[in-house]
Amino acid sequence: MKTYKVKSGDSLGSIAFKQLGATAKWREIAALNNIVNANTIKVGQVLQLPIESEPENSTERADVIIIDEDPRVYYQYQNDTTRNFLGKKFRKGIYRLGSHSTEKFIQENPALLAALKISKSEVQALLATSENEGNLDAVNTWDNCFMSFGMFQWTLGSGTAEGELPALIKLVKEKYPDAFEQFCGQFDVDVSEDTNGTYGYLMYKNKKVNTADAKQFFRSNIVAYRFAAAGLDDRVCAIQVLHAINRFNLFYFKKTSKLGGYNLFDLLSSEYAAALFLDNHVNRPGYLWNCVAKAIESTGISFEQLKNAGDNEELMVINAYLKIRETYGASPMTDAKNRAAVTKRYLDAGKISASKGSFKSNRSLRSS
């Protein structure tokens, strides 16, 4: 087992980046060492580091057998002695970090993404963010949202609240009805009619899943298995990428009084800005516009001036914004500095551009 001794200035994110090559893998370190609060690691503490493994093929089947060997849960198929790791028990359910990375999927499936009218610019901005998030086959049934799934950990929602997961499943149903039937329909799972592109409810056996009691079923290990299998299916993975990119519609193209009546794209339109803002919105959505507004104010540039400014002014605002978001709010962004370093690596490698206007969205093509 590989280990690491915590040094002064370390965070789980920086350790994950240095030792495992991806900031997002801090969750794997936390899970392996039973760390609930990522800010509680101490100098001198010895952490176990995860061993890399390749993802399995998608093999969702009805003849699955769940094997509970506390604290680990496995699955296997009838007439097959091979046991596959599903997840590890924690609190009210299990967690599965998964191993199917967004980057690897995107590299291997350009035709699928092109068919969904996703631009290269959108893909690059997402990649510069997704390394800070989860794997495509990640599953979590242990917290108060009952079921969380995929790269952005879309949830059912706590209590009676709507969740983002039904919106993802709705998109699967619209784009790949065969995949929807394979992973949901044949098991009496559907989406409610009032589910929109962002939030909604699931249906189970023709009943709306809108209470804590109804959502409890989705903590079961058999449901966790179905989602884990879906996260290894290329069609479902492609929809995860599309759904993640659709998130730009929630914050990047909406006009707001906080930005002088402009939207973010009017003011800061580089791929670098888009990637950083997506990262912020995934982690602390309520802080994004306020952080950018404070950054603009700190530079002394007016909203109108920024709209018509060039690359230098855009980068000046971005650098101010990055400082502000590290400490902004009662609960600042998780590991903001290291998350920013991940995005900066993509910029330094030439994979994304800091030039104003470089972010190209295909949202109009997808809506036509």
Protein backbone atom coordinates (compact mmCIF):
# COMPACT_ATOMS: atom_id res chain seq x y z
CA MET A 1 0.00 0.00 0.00
CA LYS A 2 1.43 3.38 -1.01
CA THR A 3 1.44 6.08 1.69
CA TYR A 4 2.16 9.79 2.01
CA LYS A 5 3.19 11.84 5.06
CA VAL A 6 1.44 15.22 5.25
CA LYS A 7 3.77 18.23 5.08
CA SER A 8 3.21 21.87 6.02
CA GLY A 9 1.07 23.63 3.41
CA ASP A 10 -0.43 20.40 2.06
CA SER A 11 -4.11 19.98 1.30
CA LEU A 12 -5.86 16.84 0.09
CA GLY A 13 -6.16 18.47 -3.32
CA SER A 14 -2.46 19.31 -3.58
CA ILE A 15 -1.50 15.81 -2.38
CA ALA A 16 -3.82 14.24 -4.97
CA PHE A 17 -2.33 16.42 -7.69
CA LYS A 18 1.29 15.67 -6.77
CA GLN A 19 0.90 11.98 -5.98
CA LEU A 20 -1.92 10.86 -8.29
CA GLY A 21 -1.84 13.46 -11.07
CA ALA A 22 -5.36 14.85 -10.57
CA THR A 23 -6.73 17.19 -7.91
CA ALA A 24 -10.15 15.49 -8.15
CA LYS A 25 -8.67 12.34 -6.64
CA TRP A 26 -8.60 14.01 -3.21
CA ARG A 27 -11.98 12.30 -2.68
CA GLU A 28 -10.36 8.90 -3.13
CA ILE A 29 -7.74 9.75 -0.51
CA ALA A 30 -10.43 11.04 1.86
CA ALA A 31 -12.54 7.93 1.42
CA LEU A 32 -9.63 5.54 1.85
CA ASN A 33 -8.59 7.26 5.10
CA ASN A 34 -12.14 7.80 6.44
CA ILE A 35 -11.72 11.60 6.32
CA VAL A 36 -15.08 13.37 6.49
CA ASN A 37 -13.76 16.97 6.62
CA ALA A 38 -11.00 17.58 4.06
CA ASN A 39 -9.68 20.53 6.09
CA THR A 40 -8.76 18.41 9.14
CA ILE A 41 -5.56 16.75 7.92
CA LYS A 42 -2.50 17.45 10.08
CA VAL A 43 1.22 17.76 9.47
CA GLY A 44 2.85 14.38 10.06
CA GLN A 45 -0.32 12.42 9.38
CA VAL A 46 0.31 9.34 7.23
CA LEU A 47 -2.27 8.85 4.50
CA GLN A 48 -2.91 5.74 2.47
CA LEU A 49 -3.04 6.41 -1.28
CA PRO A 50 -5.31 4.51 -3.68
CA ILE A 51 -4.03 2.04 -6.23
CA GLU A 52 -5.06 2.87 -9.79
CA SER A 53 -7.39 0.44 -11.56
CA GLU A 54 -8.91 0.26 -15.03
CA PRO A 55 -12.69 0.63 -15.41
CA GLU A 56 -14.74 -2.47 -16.18
CA ASN A 57 -16.91 -2.72 -19.26
CA SER A 58 -20.58 -1.79 -18.98
CA THR A 59 -22.36 -5.06 -18.19
CA GLU A 60 -25.71 -4.06 -16.66
CA ARG A 61 -27.76 -7.25 -16.40
CA ALA A 62 -30.86 -8.48 -14.62
CA ASP A 63 -29.15 -11.59 -13.20
CA VAL A 64 -26.87 -9.66 -10.88
CA ILE A 65 -26.20 -10.87 -7.33
CA ILE A 66 -25.21 -8.36 -4.63
CA ILE A 67 -22.69 -9.59 -2.05
CA ASP A 68 -22.43 -7.68 1.22
CA GLU A 69 -19.12 -8.22 2.99
CA ASP A 70 -19.13 -5.35 5.47
CA PRO A 71 -17.71 -2.78 4.84
CA ARG A 72 -17.29 -3.63 1.14
CA VAL A 73 -20.08 -4.47 -1.29
CA TYR A 74 -19.57 -6.54 -4.44
CA TYR A 75 -21.65 -7.80 -7.34
CA GLN A 76 -21.41 -10.85 -9.55
CA TYR A 77 -23.58 -12.62 -12.08
CA GLN A 78 -25.32 -15.96 -11.92
CA ASN A 79 -23.12 -18.78 -13.24
CA ASP A 80 -20.07 -16.50 -12.91
CA THR A 81 -17.71 -16.66 -9.93
CA THR A 82 -16.06 -13.27 -10.69
CA ARG A 83 -16.75 -10.69 -7.99
CA ASN A 84 -16.71 -7.00 -8.91
CA PHE A 85 -16.31 -4.16 -6.44
CA LEU A 86 -19.41 -1.99 -6.18
CA GLY A 87 -18.66 0.31 -3.26
CA LYS A 88 -17.79 0.70 0.38
CA LYS A 89 -20.33 1.18 3.16
CA PHE A 90 -20.45 4.61 4.74
CA ARG A 91 -23.12 6.15 6.97
CA LYS A 92 -26.53 5.52 5.38
CA GLY A 93 -25.36 3.76 2.23
CA ILE A 94 -22.24 3.25 0.13
CA TYR A 95 -19.79 5.35 -1.82
CA ARG A 96 -18.19 4.36 -5.08
CA LEU A 97 -15.47 6.63 -6.43
CA GLY A 98 -15.42 4.87 -9.77
CA SER A 99 -12.54 4.81 -12.23
CA HIS A 100 -13.99 5.88 -15.60
CA SER A 101 -12.52 9.33 -16.15
CA THR A 102 -14.14 12.06 -18.25
CA GLU A 103 -10.84 12.78 -20.01
CA LYS A 104 -10.35 9.21 -21.17
CA PHE A 105 -13.95 8.92 -22.34
CA ILE A 106 -13.74 12.16 -24.35
CA GLN A 107 -10.48 11.11 -25.97
CA GLU A 108 -11.98 7.80 -27.08
CA ASN A 109 -15.43 8.97 -28.23
CA PRO A 110 -15.19 12.10 -30.42
CA ALA A 111 -17.92 10.88 -32.81
CA LEU A 112 -20.47 10.48 -30.02
CA LEU A 113 -19.86 14.03 -28.82
CA ALA A 114 -19.95 15.46 -32.34
CA ALA A 115 -23.33 13.80 -32.87
CA LEU A 116 -24.61 15.68 -29.81
CA LYS A 117 -23.41 18.99 -31.35
CA ILE A 118 -20.84 19.69 -28.63
CA SER A 119 -18.10 22.10 -29.71
CA LYS A 120 -14.38 21.51 -29.22
CA SER A 121 -14.25 24.68 -27.13
CA GLU A 122 -16.96 23.38 -24.79
CA VAL A 123 -15.19 20.06 -24.44
CA GLN A 124 -11.87 21.72 -23.57
CA ALA A 125 -13.46 24.01 -20.99
CA LEU A 126 -15.19 21.01 -19.41
CA LEU A 127 -11.97 18.98 -19.31
CA ALA A 128 -10.20 21.82 -17.54
CA THR A 129 -12.92 21.57 -14.88
CA SER A 130 -13.83 17.88 -14.72
CA GLU A 131 -10.47 16.84 -13.28
CA ASN A 132 -11.60 18.62 -10.10
CA GLU A 133 -14.78 16.55 -9.97
CA GLY A 134 -15.75 12.87 -9.97
CA ASN A 135 -15.59 9.93 -12.35
CA LEU A 136 -18.36 9.01 -14.74
CA ASP A 137 -19.26 5.87 -12.77
CA ALA A 138 -19.12 7.46 -9.30
CA VAL A 139 -22.09 6.66 -7.03
CA ASN A 140 -22.96 7.91 -3.56
CA THR A 141 -25.96 6.70 -1.53
CA TRP A 142 -24.77 7.68 1.94
CA ASP A 143 -25.81 11.31 2.44
CA ASN A 144 -29.12 13.17 2.71
CA CYS A 145 -29.58 13.35 -1.07
CA PHE A 146 -30.12 9.55 -1.26
CA MET A 147 -28.47 9.03 -4.65
CA SER A 148 -25.68 11.01 -6.32
CA PHE A 149 -24.25 9.95 -9.66
CA GLY A 150 -21.63 10.78 -12.21
CA MET A 151 -18.95 13.37 -12.89
CA PHE A 152 -20.82 16.24 -11.21
CA GLN A 153 -22.55 14.03 -8.61
CA TRP A 154 -26.07 14.91 -9.72
CA THR A 155 -28.52 14.10 -6.90
CA LEU A 156 -32.14 13.16 -6.21
CA GLY A 157 -32.37 16.14 -3.85
CA SER A 158 -32.81 16.04 -0.08
CA GLY A 159 -36.18 15.48 1.58
CA THR A 160 -39.00 16.68 -0.68
CA ALA A 161 -36.68 18.83 -2.82
CA GLU A 162 -36.18 18.42 -6.55
CA GLY A 163 -32.84 17.11 -7.78
CA GLU A 164 -30.58 17.44 -10.83
CA LEU A 165 -30.33 13.69 -11.40
CA PRO A 166 -33.84 13.38 -12.91
CA ALA A 167 -32.90 16.06 -15.46
CA LEU A 168 -29.88 13.99 -16.49
CA ILE A 169 -32.03 10.87 -16.85
CA LYS A 170 -34.59 12.83 -18.86
CA LEU A 171 -31.84 13.78 -21.29
CA VAL A 172 -30.76 10.13 -21.58
CA LYS A 173 -34.38 9.21 -22.33
CA GLU A 174 -34.63 11.89 -25.05
CA LYS A 175 -31.31 11.18 -26.78
CA TYR A 176 -30.83 7.43 -26.21
CA PRO A 177 -34.18 5.78 -25.38
CA ASP A 178 -32.59 2.33 -25.63
CA ALA A 179 -30.07 3.22 -22.92
CA PHE A 180 -32.87 4.67 -20.78
CA GLU A 181 -34.83 1.43 -21.12
CA GLN A 182 -31.76 -0.66 -20.26
CA PHE A 183 -30.88 1.18 -17.07
CA CYS A 184 -34.21 2.65 -15.93
CA GLY A 185 -37.34 1.74 -17.88
CA GLN A 186 -37.21 -2.02 -17.45
CA PHE A 187 -36.91 -1.47 -13.69
CA ASP A 188 -40.03 0.77 -13.49
CA VAL A 189 -37.98 3.98 -13.13
CA ASP A 190 -39.01 7.04 -15.16
CA VAL A 191 -38.95 10.84 -14.89
CA SER A 192 -41.92 12.99 -13.87
CA GLU A 193 -43.65 15.07 -16.54
CA ASP A 194 -42.71 18.32 -14.79
CA THR A 195 -38.97 17.58 -14.83
CA ASN A 196 -37.18 20.31 -16.78
CA GLY A 197 -33.64 20.60 -18.09
CA THR A 198 -32.21 21.32 -14.65
CA TYR A 199 -34.40 19.89 -11.87
CA GLY A 200 -37.17 17.41 -11.32
CA TYR A 201 -38.32 14.15 -9.79
CA LEU A 202 -38.08 10.49 -10.70
CA MET A 203 -41.06 8.15 -10.92
CA TYR A 204 -40.95 4.63 -9.49
CA LYS A 205 -43.72 2.20 -10.30
CA ASN A 206 -45.80 5.12 -11.60
CA LYS A 207 -45.48 7.06 -8.34
CA LYS A 208 -43.61 10.33 -7.98
CA VAL A 209 -40.44 10.06 -5.92
CA ASN A 210 -40.86 13.35 -4.03
CA THR A 211 -40.59 12.38 -0.36
CA ALA A 212 -37.78 11.08 1.82
CA ASP A 213 -39.62 7.77 2.24
CA ALA A 214 -40.01 7.33 -1.52
CA LYS A 215 -36.37 8.24 -2.18
CA GLN A 216 -35.13 5.69 0.35
CA PHE A 217 -35.39 2.90 -2.25
CA PHE A 218 -32.65 4.59 -4.27
CA ARG A 219 -30.15 3.94 -1.48
CA SER A 220 -30.40 0.20 -2.15
CA ASN A 221 -27.32 -1.59 -3.43
CA ILE A 222 -29.15 -2.95 -6.48
CA VAL A 223 -29.93 0.61 -7.59
CA ALA A 224 -26.34 1.66 -6.89
CA TYR A 225 -25.23 -1.19 -9.13
CA ARG A 226 -27.50 -0.04 -11.98
CA PHE A 227 -26.12 3.50 -11.83
CA ALA A 228 -22.53 2.25 -11.63
CA ALA A 229 -23.14 0.13 -14.74
CA ALA A 230 -24.75 3.10 -16.49
CA GLY A 231 -21.65 5.17 -15.72
CA LEU A 232 -19.60 2.71 -17.78
CA ASP A 233 -21.93 2.90 -20.80
CA ASP A 234 -20.73 5.18 -23.62
CA ARG A 235 -24.20 6.56 -24.33
CA VAL A 236 -24.82 7.56 -20.73
CA CYS A 237 -21.31 9.01 -20.48
CA ALA A 238 -21.93 11.14 -23.57
CA ILE A 239 -25.10 12.49 -21.97
CA GLN A 240 -23.17 13.30 -18.80
CA VAL A 241 -20.79 15.42 -20.88
CA LEU A 242 -23.71 17.15 -22.62
CA HIS A 243 -25.56 17.75 -19.35
CA ALA A 244 -22.41 19.17 -17.75
CA ILE A 245 -21.93 21.56 -20.68
CA ASN A 246 -25.60 22.57 -20.57
CA ARG A 247 -24.81 23.94 -17.11
CA PHE A 248 -23.32 27.00 -18.83
CA ASN A 249 -26.92 28.00 -19.63
CA LEU A 250 -27.58 28.48 -15.91
CA PHE A 251 -24.97 31.17 -15.32
CA TYR A 252 -22.84 32.14 -18.34
CA PHE A 253 -25.44 33.51 -20.73
CA LYS A 254 -27.93 34.96 -18.24
CA LYS A 255 -28.03 38.72 -17.77
CA THR A 256 -27.89 39.88 -14.16
CA SER A 257 -28.03 43.18 -12.30
CA LYS A 258 -24.96 42.03 -10.34
CA LEU A 259 -22.97 42.50 -13.55
CA GLY A 260 -24.57 45.75 -14.62
CA GLY A 261 -27.25 44.02 -16.68
CA TYR A 262 -24.71 42.07 -18.72
CA ASN A 263 -24.07 38.35 -18.69
CA LEU A 264 -20.69 36.76 -18.00
CA PHE A 265 -20.14 35.91 -21.67
CA ASP A 266 -20.60 39.58 -22.60
CA LEU A 267 -17.76 40.54 -20.28
CA LEU A 268 -15.34 37.59 -20.05
CA SER A 269 -15.48 35.26 -23.01
CA SER A 270 -12.21 33.32 -23.11
CA GLU A 271 -12.06 29.53 -22.76
CA TYR A 272 -9.98 30.11 -19.64
CA ALA A 273 -12.71 32.23 -18.04
CA ALA A 274 -15.43 29.77 -19.07
CA ALA A 275 -13.56 26.84 -17.48
CA LEU A 276 -12.89 28.72 -14.23
CA PHE A 277 -16.49 29.89 -13.96
CA LEU A 278 -17.85 26.39 -14.60
CA ASP A 279 -15.58 25.08 -11.84
CA ASN A 280 -16.89 27.77 -9.47
CA HIS A 281 -20.52 27.08 -10.37
CA VAL A 282 -20.17 23.35 -9.77
CA ASN A 283 -18.54 23.89 -6.37
CA ARG A 284 -20.18 27.10 -5.06
CA PRO A 285 -22.83 28.27 -7.57
CA GLY A 286 -24.23 31.02 -5.36
CA TYR A 287 -20.88 32.79 -5.14
CA LEU A 288 -19.92 33.10 -8.80
CA TRP A 289 -21.55 36.37 -9.92
CA ASN A 290 -20.65 38.11 -6.65
CA CYS A 291 -17.00 37.06 -6.92
CA VAL A 292 -16.75 38.28 -10.51
CA ALA A 293 -18.49 41.57 -9.66
CA LYS A 294 -16.03 42.20 -6.81
CA ALA A 295 -13.12 41.38 -9.11
CA ILE A 296 -14.30 43.84 -11.75
CA GLU A 297 -14.82 46.53 -9.11
CA SER A 298 -11.31 45.96 -7.71
CA THR A 299 -9.71 46.63 -11.12
CA GLY A 300 -11.52 49.95 -11.59
CA ILE A 301 -12.79 48.83 -15.01
CA SER A 302 -16.46 49.55 -15.71
CA PHE A 303 -18.77 46.85 -17.04
CA GLU A 304 -19.10 48.75 -20.32
CA GLN A 305 -15.33 49.12 -20.63
CA LEU A 306 -14.77 45.45 -19.93
CA LYS A 307 -17.28 44.43 -22.58
CA ASN A 308 -15.25 46.27 -25.19
CA ALA A 309 -11.79 45.61 -23.69
CA GLY A 310 -9.13 43.20 -24.88
CA ASP A 311 -7.14 40.22 -23.60
CA ASN A 312 -5.08 42.13 -21.03
CA GLU A 313 -8.10 43.55 -19.23
CA GLU A 314 -9.84 40.18 -19.27
CA LEU A 315 -6.81 38.48 -17.70
CA MET A 316 -6.52 41.27 -15.11
CA VAL A 317 -10.10 40.64 -13.98
CA ILE A 318 -9.62 36.86 -13.98
CA ASN A 319 -6.53 37.11 -11.77
CA ALA A 320 -8.41 39.35 -9.33
CA TYR A 321 -11.35 36.94 -9.36
CA LEU A 322 -9.11 33.96 -8.56
CA LYS A 323 -7.83 35.69 -5.42
CA ILE A 324 -11.31 36.67 -4.30
CA ARG A 325 -12.87 33.24 -4.74
CA GLU A 326 -10.29 31.64 -2.44
CA THR A 327 -11.81 33.33 0.62
CA TYR A 328 -15.23 34.57 -0.49
CA GLY A 329 -18.33 33.63 1.54
CA ALA A 330 -19.06 31.81 4.77
CA SER A 331 -17.94 28.55 3.15
CA PRO A 332 -15.39 29.36 0.42
CA MET A 333 -14.72 27.13 -2.57
CA THR A 334 -13.17 23.79 -1.69
CA ASP A 335 -9.42 23.90 -2.33
CA ALA A 336 -9.87 26.89 -4.65
CA LYS A 337 -6.15 27.46 -5.24
CA ASN A 338 -5.41 23.93 -6.38
CA ARG A 339 -8.58 23.77 -8.46
CA ALA A 340 -7.40 26.92 -10.23
CA ALA A 341 -3.96 25.33 -10.75
CA VAL A 342 -5.59 22.44 -12.61
CA THR A 343 -7.29 24.84 -15.03
CA LYS A 344 -4.07 26.83 -15.41
CA ARG A 345 -2.24 23.67 -16.49
CA TYR A 346 -4.66 23.34 -19.40
CA LEU A 347 -3.97 26.97 -20.30
CA ASP A 348 -0.19 26.56 -20.06
CA ALA A 349 -0.38 23.41 -22.22
CA GLY A 350 -2.25 25.31 -24.92
CA LYS A 351 -5.40 23.22 -24.56
CA ILE A 352 -7.55 26.26 -23.72
CA SER A 353 -7.12 29.91 -24.67
CA ALA A 354 -7.10 33.09 -22.57
CA SER A 355 -8.01 35.21 -25.59
CA LYS A 356 -11.24 37.18 -25.33
CA GLY A 357 -13.94 35.58 -27.49
CA SER A 358 -12.19 32.21 -27.74
CA PHE A 359 -15.00 30.31 -26.01
CA LYS A 360 -17.31 29.00 -28.75
CA SER A 361 -20.64 27.51 -27.67
CA ASN A 362 -22.89 25.32 -29.81
CA ARG A 363 -25.92 26.01 -27.61
CA SER A 364 -27.86 27.57 -30.51
CA LEU A 365 -27.24 24.50 -32.68
CA ARG A 366 -28.45 22.20 -29.93
CA SER A 367 -31.64 24.20 -29.42
CA SER A 368 -32.53 24.28 -33.14
